Amino acid sequence: MHFKFNVKAVGVVALIAMAGMAHADERTLRIGIEAAYPPFAYKTPDNKLVGFDYDIGQALCAKIKAKCQWIEVEFDGLIPSLKVRKIDAAISSVSITEERLKSVDFTTSYYRLPAKIVTRKDSTINTVPGDLAGKRIGVQRATNFDRYAMEKFEPAGAQIIKYGSQNEVFLDLLAGRLDASLAGSIAIEEGLLKSSNGEAYHMLDQNFTDEQYFGTGAGIAVRKKDPLMGELNNALAEIKSDGTYDQIRKKYFAYDISGTK
């Protein structure tokens, strides 16, 4: 019995099989992010995820030859999601602190900025914590700002109001339901001061940088002893040395935020 092979057909089948194998072998990195923290992570009007954290993550995935699968998580759910393996990493402006290091590991820092107080320009809050008695201070829940305010501002007589996102804090500040907020300097600048309603507000000169609370910068959180940390650290070093980091940074910030200068 003789068989007549169609060489072209065999070639097409082989290519399809190879493509299927390549797809099956494609590595996916599940990254948790809170998309309500401009300019680090936010949604465009057409519901597209963008921001500094997002771009950094995309660049790192390219370096380790993985596909980023972005999973939106509220900030206070990022570390719990890591621990129960719903995500592989959290790239969402998570500060490296001693408290968090008890639960997860972190890469080296990829940016560092001070915390600031924002309030109305006509506010009686000028010195912190001295002027906080009886004032309502908004913070994002489960953040280093939350912990600092509870331990430093509440004993000074402030009432600490907690929210699911910093955007919610700003909305209540604008509505007059809060007297001030403690948050990251860029989040305040981009999320409030540059908005159409931000003209009446300002940041106090005082910086809050206590490492016990605010850590040593923002890092990428991974599970304890996960080899992924080493890969991400190598990728971070690469994007800093080849100019990718600065290219991304310049899209969002006119000044250095790396914390190394």
C-alpha atoms as a PDB file:
ATOM      1  CA  MET A   1       0.000   0.000   0.000  1.00  0.00           C
ATOM      2  CA  HIS A   2       1.357   3.392  -0.913  1.00  0.00           C
ATOM      3  CA  PHE A   3       0.590   6.748   0.712  1.00  0.00           C
ATOM      4  CA  LYS A   4       0.951  10.073  -1.011  1.00  0.00           C
ATOM      5  CA  PHE A   5       2.052  12.802   1.383  1.00  0.00           C
ATOM      6  CA  ASN A   6       1.085  16.402   0.897  1.00  0.00           C
ATOM      7  CA  VAL A   7       4.316  18.132   1.946  1.00  0.00           C
ATOM      8  CA  LYS A   8       2.623  21.538   2.290  1.00  0.00           C
ATOM      9  CA  ALA A   9      -0.108  20.123   4.536  1.00  0.00           C
ATOM     10  CA  VAL A  10       2.436  18.373   6.751  1.00  0.00           C
ATOM     11  CA  GLY A  11       4.380  21.628   7.003  1.00  0.00           C
ATOM     12  CA  VAL A  12       1.272  23.582   8.064  1.00  0.00           C
ATOM     13  CA  VAL A  13       0.394  20.975  10.702  1.00  0.00           C
ATOM     14  CA  ALA A  14       3.939  21.127  12.070  1.00  0.00           C
ATOM     15  CA  LEU A  15       3.830  24.917  12.306  1.00  0.00           C
ATOM     16  CA  ILE A  16       0.468  24.813  14.116  1.00  0.00           C
ATOM     17  CA  ALA A  17       1.840  22.247  16.552  1.00  0.00           C
ATOM     18  CA  MET A  18       4.945  24.355  17.211  1.00  0.00           C
ATOM     19  CA  ALA A  19       2.825  27.453  17.756  1.00  0.00           C
ATOM     20  CA  GLY A  20       0.650  25.549  20.193  1.00  0.00           C
ATOM     21  CA  MET A  21       3.706  24.401  22.128  1.00  0.00           C
ATOM     22  CA  ALA A  22       5.101  27.932  22.252  1.00  0.00           C
ATOM     23  CA  HIS A  23       1.789  29.207  23.559  1.00  0.00           C
ATOM     24  CA  ALA A  24       1.641  26.440  26.149  1.00  0.00           C
ATOM     25  CA  ASP A  25       5.177  27.249  27.286  1.00  0.00           C
ATOM     26  CA  GLU A  26       4.529  30.989  27.593  1.00  0.00           C
ATOM     27  CA  ARG A  27       5.182  32.139  31.124  1.00  0.00           C
ATOM     28  CA  THR A  28       2.600  34.319  32.832  1.00  0.00           C
ATOM     29  CA  LEU A  29       3.296  36.525  35.825  1.00  0.00           C
ATOM     30  CA  ARG A  30       0.175  37.460  37.806  1.00  0.00           C
ATOM     31  CA  ILE A  31       0.734  40.964  39.148  1.00  0.00           C
ATOM     32  CA  GLY A  32      -1.490  42.614  41.726  1.00  0.00           C
ATOM     33  CA  ILE A  33      -2.085  46.354  41.409  1.00  0.00           C
ATOM     34  CA  GLU A  34      -4.430  48.948  42.887  1.00  0.00           C
ATOM     35  CA  ALA A  35      -5.608  51.043  39.932  1.00  0.00           C
ATOM     36  CA  ALA A  36      -6.662  54.096  41.940  1.00  0.00           C
ATOM     37  CA  TYR A  37      -3.375  55.809  42.735  1.00  0.00           C
ATOM     38  CA  PRO A  38      -2.414  58.248  39.965  1.00  0.00           C
ATOM     39  CA  PRO A  39       0.115  58.705  38.502  1.00  0.00           C
ATOM     40  CA  PHE A  40       1.389  55.295  39.639  1.00  0.00           C
ATOM     41  CA  ALA A  41      -1.630  53.267  38.559  1.00  0.00           C
ATOM     42  CA  TYR A  42      -5.026  54.411  37.278  1.00  0.00           C
ATOM     43  CA  LYS A  43      -7.610  53.888  34.547  1.00  0.00           C
ATOM     44  CA  THR A  44      -8.051  56.019  31.432  1.00  0.00           C
ATOM     45  CA  PRO A  45     -11.594  57.052  30.370  1.00  0.00           C
ATOM     46  CA  ASP A  46     -11.649  54.007  28.051  1.00  0.00           C
ATOM     47  CA  ASN A  47     -10.838  51.737  31.023  1.00  0.00           C
ATOM     48  CA  LYS A  48      -7.201  51.104  30.108  1.00  0.00           C
ATOM     49  CA  LEU A  49      -4.745  50.485  32.942  1.00  0.00           C
ATOM     50  CA  VAL A  50      -1.819  52.928  32.864  1.00  0.00           C
ATOM     51  CA  GLY A  51       0.719  54.557  35.177  1.00  0.00           C
ATOM     52  CA  PHE A  52       4.294  54.432  36.419  1.00  0.00           C
ATOM     53  CA  ASP A  53       3.880  51.154  38.337  1.00  0.00           C
ATOM     54  CA  TYR A  54       2.178  49.569  35.333  1.00  0.00           C
ATOM     55  CA  ASP A  55       4.946  50.620  32.927  1.00  0.00           C
ATOM     56  CA  ILE A  56       7.656  49.409  35.299  1.00  0.00           C
ATOM     57  CA  GLY A  57       5.898  46.047  35.549  1.00  0.00           C
ATOM     58  CA  GLN A  58       5.611  45.722  31.782  1.00  0.00           C
ATOM     59  CA  ALA A  59       9.329  46.472  31.394  1.00  0.00           C
ATOM     60  CA  LEU A  60      10.263  43.898  34.037  1.00  0.00           C
ATOM     61  CA  CYS A  61       8.085  41.215  32.456  1.00  0.00           C
ATOM     62  CA  ALA A  62       9.815  41.853  29.128  1.00  0.00           C
ATOM     63  CA  LYS A  63      13.208  41.370  30.783  1.00  0.00           C
ATOM     64  CA  ILE A  64      12.292  38.057  32.390  1.00  0.00           C
ATOM     65  CA  LYS A  65      10.446  36.927  29.245  1.00  0.00           C
ATOM     66  CA  ALA A  66       7.037  36.642  30.857  1.00  0.00           C
ATOM     67  CA  LYS A  67       3.580  37.944  30.066  1.00  0.00           C
ATOM     68  CA  CYS A  68       2.126  40.349  32.644  1.00  0.00           C
ATOM     69  CA  GLN A  69      -1.350  39.376  33.775  1.00  0.00           C
ATOM     70  CA  TRP A  70      -2.583  42.391  35.735  1.00  0.00           C
ATOM     71  CA  ILE A  71      -4.998  41.661  38.562  1.00  0.00           C
ATOM     72  CA  GLU A  72      -6.703  44.610  40.233  1.00  0.00           C
ATOM     73  CA  VAL A  73      -6.724  44.341  44.019  1.00  0.00           C
ATOM     74  CA  GLU A  74      -7.574  46.889  46.705  1.00  0.00           C
ATOM     75  CA  PHE A  75      -4.399  47.998  48.443  1.00  0.00           C
ATOM     76  CA  ASP A  76      -5.172  46.269  51.727  1.00  0.00           C
ATOM     77  CA  GLY A  77      -5.713  43.006  49.839  1.00  0.00           C
ATOM     78  CA  LEU A  78      -2.360  42.896  48.032  1.00  0.00           C
ATOM     79  CA  ILE A  79      -0.283  41.074  50.643  1.00  0.00           C
ATOM     80  CA  PRO A  80      -3.107  38.661  51.598  1.00  0.00           C
ATOM     81  CA  SER A  81      -3.524  37.877  47.867  1.00  0.00           C
ATOM     82  CA  LEU A  82       0.192  37.093  47.629  1.00  0.00           C
ATOM     83  CA  LYS A  83       0.081  34.786  50.632  1.00  0.00           C
ATOM     84  CA  VAL A  84      -2.845  32.752  49.271  1.00  0.00           C
ATOM     85  CA  ARG A  85      -1.235  32.631  45.784  1.00  0.00           C
ATOM     86  CA  LYS A  86      -3.856  34.635  43.911  1.00  0.00           C
ATOM     87  CA  ILE A  87      -1.000  36.778  42.574  1.00  0.00           C
ATOM     88  CA  ASP A  88       2.738  36.214  42.119  1.00  0.00           C
ATOM     89  CA  ALA A  89       3.904  39.766  42.800  1.00  0.00           C
ATOM     90  CA  ALA A  90       2.528  43.137  43.878  1.00  0.00           C
ATOM     91  CA  ILE A  91       3.699  46.180  41.924  1.00  0.00           C
ATOM     92  CA  SER A  92       1.620  48.907  43.496  1.00  0.00           C
ATOM     93  CA  SER A  93       3.780  51.442  45.365  1.00  0.00           C
ATOM     94  CA  VAL A  94       4.108  49.118  48.368  1.00  0.00           C
ATOM     95  CA  SER A  95       6.610  50.576  50.846  1.00  0.00           C
ATOM     96  CA  ILE A  96       9.301  48.260  52.193  1.00  0.00           C
ATOM     97  CA  THR A  97       8.812  48.215  55.965  1.00  0.00           C
ATOM     98  CA  GLU A  98       9.964  45.932  58.768  1.00  0.00           C
ATOM     99  CA  GLU A  99       6.351  45.020  59.508  1.00  0.00           C
ATOM    100  CA  ARG A 100       5.633  43.916  55.926  1.00  0.00           C
ATOM    101  CA  LEU A 101       8.936  42.035  55.714  1.00  0.00           C
ATOM    102  CA  LYS A 102       7.558  39.675  58.345  1.00  0.00           C
ATOM    103  CA  SER A 103       4.974  38.492  55.788  1.00  0.00           C
ATOM    104  CA  VAL A 104       6.578  38.893  52.354  1.00  0.00           C
ATOM    105  CA  ASP A 105       9.899  39.550  50.649  1.00  0.00           C
ATOM    106  CA  PHE A 106      10.704  42.661  48.642  1.00  0.00           C
ATOM    107  CA  THR A 107      12.937  43.526  45.739  1.00  0.00           C
ATOM    108  CA  THR A 108      15.241  46.504  46.007  1.00  0.00           C
ATOM    109  CA  SER A 109      13.447  49.848  46.022  1.00  0.00           C
ATOM    110  CA  TYR A 110      12.417  51.317  42.666  1.00  0.00           C
ATOM    111  CA  TYR A 111      11.381  54.731  44.010  1.00  0.00           C
ATOM    112  CA  ARG A 112      11.317  56.681  47.266  1.00  0.00           C
ATOM    113  CA  LEU A 113       9.386  59.820  48.187  1.00  0.00           C
ATOM    114  CA  PRO A 114       8.401  61.553  51.435  1.00  0.00           C
ATOM    115  CA  ALA A 115       4.957  61.503  52.978  1.00  0.00           C
ATOM    116  CA  LYS A 116       3.239  64.880  53.287  1.00  0.00           C
ATOM    117  CA  ILE A 117       0.260  66.576  54.909  1.00  0.00           C
ATOM    118  CA  VAL A 118      -2.169  68.276  52.510  1.00  0.00           C
ATOM    119  CA  THR A 119      -4.764  70.725  53.741  1.00  0.00           C
ATOM    120  CA  ARG A 120      -6.576  73.883  52.668  1.00  0.00           C
ATOM    121  CA  LYS A 121      -4.394  76.978  52.360  1.00  0.00           C
ATOM    122  CA  ASP A 122      -6.641  78.758  54.862  1.00  0.00           C
ATOM    123  CA  SER A 123      -6.433  75.899  57.381  1.00  0.00           C
ATOM    124  CA  THR A 124      -5.213  76.442  60.930  1.00  0.00           C
ATOM    125  CA  ILE A 125      -2.996  73.366  60.561  1.00  0.00           C
ATOM    126  CA  ASN A 126       0.548  74.652  60.244  1.00  0.00           C
ATOM    127  CA  THR A 127       2.588  72.440  62.566  1.00  0.00           C
ATOM    128  CA  VAL A 128       2.107  68.681  62.882  1.00  0.00           C
ATOM    129  CA  PRO A 129       1.153  67.112  65.224  1.00  0.00           C
ATOM    130  CA  GLY A 130       0.779  70.266  67.344  1.00  0.00           C
ATOM    131  CA  ASP A 131      -2.189  71.674  65.402  1.00  0.00           C
ATOM    132  CA  LEU A 132      -4.106  68.404  64.948  1.00  0.00           C
ATOM    133  CA  ALA A 133      -6.241  68.330  68.092  1.00  0.00           C
ATOM    134  CA  GLY A 134      -9.878  67.929  67.062  1.00  0.00           C
ATOM    135  CA  LYS A 135      -9.035  67.669  63.357  1.00  0.00           C
ATOM    136  CA  ARG A 136     -10.249  64.942  60.979  1.00  0.00           C
ATOM    137  CA  ILE A 137      -7.327  63.404  59.089  1.00  0.00           C
ATOM    138  CA  GLY A 138      -7.999  61.110  56.133  1.00  0.00           C
ATOM    139  CA  VAL A 139      -5.701  58.189  55.244  1.00  0.00           C
ATOM    140  CA  GLN A 140      -5.848  55.197  52.959  1.00  0.00           C
ATOM    141  CA  ARG A 141      -6.565  52.078  54.981  1.00  0.00           C
ATOM    142  CA  ALA A 142      -3.758  49.528  55.627  1.00  0.00           C
ATOM    143  CA  THR A 143      -1.026  51.860  54.367  1.00  0.00           C
ATOM    144  CA  ASN A 144       2.039  53.139  56.179  1.00  0.00           C
ATOM    145  CA  PHE A 145       0.203  56.494  56.354  1.00  0.00           C
ATOM    146  CA  ASP A 146      -2.614  54.786  58.245  1.00  0.00           C
ATOM    147  CA  ARG A 147      -0.245  53.277  60.815  1.00  0.00           C
ATOM    148  CA  TYR A 148       1.714  56.498  61.303  1.00  0.00           C
ATOM    149  CA  ALA A 149      -1.422  58.597  61.749  1.00  0.00           C
ATOM    150  CA  MET A 150      -2.882  56.152  64.252  1.00  0.00           C
ATOM    151  CA  GLU A 151       0.287  56.054  66.348  1.00  0.00           C
ATOM    152  CA  LYS A 152       1.406  59.689  66.061  1.00  0.00           C
ATOM    153  CA  PHE A 153      -1.603  61.847  65.203  1.00  0.00           C
ATOM    154  CA  GLU A 154      -4.393  60.159  67.154  1.00  0.00           C
ATOM    155  CA  PRO A 155      -2.570  60.569  70.511  1.00  0.00           C
ATOM    156  CA  ALA A 156      -2.279  64.285  69.644  1.00  0.00           C
ATOM    157  CA  GLY A 157      -6.077  64.508  69.508  1.00  0.00           C
ATOM    158  CA  ALA A 158      -6.722  63.952  65.789  1.00  0.00           C
ATOM    159  CA  GLN A 159      -9.568  61.776  64.529  1.00  0.00           C
ATOM    160  CA  ILE A 160      -8.257  59.359  61.895  1.00  0.00           C
ATOM    161  CA  ILE A 161     -10.725  58.506  59.106  1.00  0.00           C
ATOM    162  CA  LYS A 162      -9.817  55.518  56.920  1.00  0.00           C
ATOM    163  CA  TYR A 163     -10.724  54.945  53.266  1.00  0.00           C
ATOM    164  CA  GLY A 164     -10.357  52.215  50.682  1.00  0.00           C
ATOM    165  CA  SER A 165      -8.448  54.449  48.238  1.00  0.00           C
ATOM    166  CA  GLN A 166      -6.606  57.773  48.275  1.00  0.00           C
ATOM    167  CA  ASN A 167      -9.049  59.112  45.666  1.00  0.00           C
ATOM    168  CA  GLU A 168     -11.863  58.705  48.207  1.00  0.00           C
ATOM    169  CA  VAL A 169      -9.779  60.655  50.735  1.00  0.00           C
ATOM    170  CA  PHE A 170      -9.360  63.544  48.288  1.00  0.00           C
ATOM    171  CA  LEU A 171     -13.087  63.603  47.506  1.00  0.00           C
ATOM    172  CA  ASP A 172     -13.973  63.972  51.175  1.00  0.00           C
ATOM    173  CA  LEU A 173     -11.241  66.584  51.665  1.00  0.00           C
ATOM    174  CA  LEU A 174     -12.679  68.603  48.780  1.00  0.00           C
ATOM    175  CA  ALA A 175     -16.178  68.189  50.213  1.00  0.00           C
ATOM    176  CA  GLY A 176     -15.068  69.629  53.552  1.00  0.00           C
ATOM    177  CA  ARG A 177     -15.567  66.390  55.472  1.00  0.00           C
ATOM    178  CA  LEU A 178     -11.856  66.226  56.311  1.00  0.00           C
ATOM    179  CA  ASP A 179      -9.355  68.795  57.544  1.00  0.00           C
ATOM    180  CA  ALA A 180      -6.253  67.179  56.038  1.00  0.00           C
ATOM    181  CA  SER A 181      -4.713  64.002  54.663  1.00  0.00           C
ATOM    182  CA  LEU A 182      -1.382  62.242  55.086  1.00  0.00           C
ATOM    183  CA  ALA A 183      -0.215  60.676  51.813  1.00  0.00           C
ATOM    184  CA  GLY A 184       2.686  60.376  49.391  1.00  0.00           C
ATOM    185  CA  SER A 185       3.902  63.687  47.979  1.00  0.00           C
ATOM    186  CA  ILE A 186       3.372  62.780  44.323  1.00  0.00           C
ATOM    187  CA  ALA A 187      -0.048  61.243  44.971  1.00  0.00           C
ATOM    188  CA  ILE A 188      -1.073  64.555  46.560  1.00  0.00           C
ATOM    189  CA  GLU A 189       0.424  66.609  43.754  1.00  0.00           C
ATOM    190  CA  GLU A 190      -1.052  64.565  40.912  1.00  0.00           C
ATOM    191  CA  GLY A 191      -4.287  63.447  42.534  1.00  0.00           C
ATOM    192  CA  LEU A 192      -5.335  66.740  44.111  1.00  0.00           C
ATOM    193  CA  LEU A 193      -3.160  69.843  43.641  1.00  0.00           C
ATOM    194  CA  LYS A 194      -3.092  69.596  39.841  1.00  0.00           C
ATOM    195  CA  SER A 195      -6.829  68.941  39.627  1.00  0.00           C
ATOM    196  CA  SER A 196      -9.346  71.647  38.735  1.00  0.00           C
ATOM    197  CA  ASN A 197     -10.293  71.923  42.416  1.00  0.00           C
ATOM    198  CA  GLY A 198      -6.787  71.824  43.839  1.00  0.00           C
ATOM    199  CA  GLU A 199      -5.951  75.517  43.838  1.00  0.00           C
ATOM    200  CA  ALA A 200      -7.225  76.061  47.381  1.00  0.00           C
ATOM    201  CA  TYR A 201      -4.974  73.321  48.830  1.00  0.00           C
ATOM    202  CA  HIS A 202      -1.287  72.971  49.611  1.00  0.00           C
ATOM    203  CA  MET A 203       1.245  70.614  51.179  1.00  0.00           C
ATOM    204  CA  LEU A 204       2.940  71.586  54.418  1.00  0.00           C
ATOM    205  CA  ASP A 205       6.735  71.869  54.193  1.00  0.00           C
ATOM    206  CA  GLN A 206       7.207  69.106  56.747  1.00  0.00           C
ATOM    207  CA  ASN A 207       8.424  65.739  55.378  1.00  0.00           C
ATOM    208  CA  PHE A 208       7.594  62.411  57.033  1.00  0.00           C
ATOM    209  CA  THR A 209      10.383  59.910  56.370  1.00  0.00           C
ATOM    210  CA  ASP A 210      10.652  57.779  59.524  1.00  0.00           C
ATOM    211  CA  GLU A 211      11.854  54.400  58.194  1.00  0.00           C
ATOM    212  CA  GLN A 212      10.043  52.551  60.980  1.00  0.00           C
ATOM    213  CA  TYR A 213       6.790  53.637  59.338  1.00  0.00           C
ATOM    214  CA  PHE A 214       7.597  54.706  55.786  1.00  0.00           C
ATOM    215  CA  GLY A 215      10.290  52.162  55.059  1.00  0.00           C
ATOM    216  CA  THR A 216      13.145  52.446  52.607  1.00  0.00           C
ATOM    217  CA  GLY A 217      11.182  53.102  49.442  1.00  0.00           C
ATOM    218  CA  ALA A 218       8.633  51.253  47.324  1.00  0.00           C
ATOM    219  CA  GLY A 219       9.525  47.712  46.304  1.00  0.00           C
ATOM    220  CA  ILE A 220       7.923  44.764  44.551  1.00  0.00           C
ATOM    221  CA  ALA A 221       6.417  42.332  47.031  1.00  0.00           C
ATOM    222  CA  VAL A 222       6.709  38.571  46.471  1.00  0.00           C
ATOM    223  CA  ARG A 223       6.144  35.513  48.631  1.00  0.00           C
ATOM    224  CA  LYS A 224       8.779  34.548  51.167  1.00  0.00           C
ATOM    225  CA  LYS A 225      11.815  32.781  49.638  1.00  0.00           C
ATOM    226  CA  ASP A 226      10.342  32.956  46.122  1.00  0.00           C
ATOM    227  CA  PRO A 227      13.154  32.790  43.488  1.00  0.00           C
ATOM    228  CA  LEU A 228      11.121  35.361  41.546  1.00  0.00           C
ATOM    229  CA  MET A 229      12.636  38.050  43.774  1.00  0.00           C
ATOM    230  CA  GLY A 230      16.096  37.393  42.341  1.00  0.00           C
ATOM    231  CA  GLU A 231      14.786  37.555  38.783  1.00  0.00           C
ATOM    232  CA  LEU A 232      12.971  40.813  39.421  1.00  0.00           C
ATOM    233  CA  ASN A 233      16.007  42.337  41.146  1.00  0.00           C
ATOM    234  CA  ASN A 234      18.158  41.471  38.120  1.00  0.00           C
ATOM    235  CA  ALA A 235      15.522  42.916  35.791  1.00  0.00           C
ATOM    236  CA  LEU A 236      15.306  46.116  37.871  1.00  0.00           C
ATOM    237  CA  ALA A 237      19.069  46.520  37.645  1.00  0.00           C
ATOM    238  CA  GLU A 238      18.884  46.025  33.873  1.00  0.00           C
ATOM    239  CA  ILE A 239      16.163  48.603  33.241  1.00  0.00           C
ATOM    240  CA  LYS A 240      18.048  51.113  35.392  1.00  0.00           C
ATOM    241  CA  SER A 241      21.324  50.542  33.544  1.00  0.00           C
ATOM    242  CA  ASP A 242      19.944  50.479  29.980  1.00  0.00           C
ATOM    243  CA  GLY A 243      17.911  53.689  30.317  1.00  0.00           C
ATOM    244  CA  THR A 244      14.453  52.086  30.340  1.00  0.00           C
ATOM    245  CA  TYR A 245      13.731  53.206  33.909  1.00  0.00           C
ATOM    246  CA  ASP A 246      14.551  56.852  33.166  1.00  0.00           C
ATOM    247  CA  GLN A 247      12.501  56.732  29.976  1.00  0.00           C
ATOM    248  CA  ILE A 248       9.468  55.558  31.960  1.00  0.00           C
ATOM    249  CA  ARG A 249      10.100  57.982  34.818  1.00  0.00           C
ATOM    250  CA  LYS A 250      10.204  60.981  32.455  1.00  0.00           C
ATOM    251  CA  LYS A 251       6.691  60.143  31.203  1.00  0.00           C
ATOM    252  CA  TYR A 252       5.313  60.906  34.652  1.00  0.00           C
ATOM    253  CA  PHE A 253       7.827  62.974  36.634  1.00  0.00           C
ATOM    254  CA  ALA A 254      10.120  65.866  35.768  1.00  0.00           C
ATOM    255  CA  TYR A 255      12.547  65.015  38.587  1.00  0.00           C
ATOM    256  CA  ASP A 256      14.406  62.019  39.989  1.00  0.00           C
ATOM    257  CA  ILE A 257      12.296  59.795  42.259  1.00  0.00           C
ATOM    258  CA  SER A 258      14.669  56.831  42.582  1.00  0.00           C
ATOM    259  CA  GLY A 259      15.878  57.851  46.041  1.00  0.00           C
ATOM    260  CA  THR A 260      19.482  57.238  44.993  1.00  0.00           C
ATOM    261  CA  LYS A 261      20.491  60.859  44.325  1.00  0.00           C
END
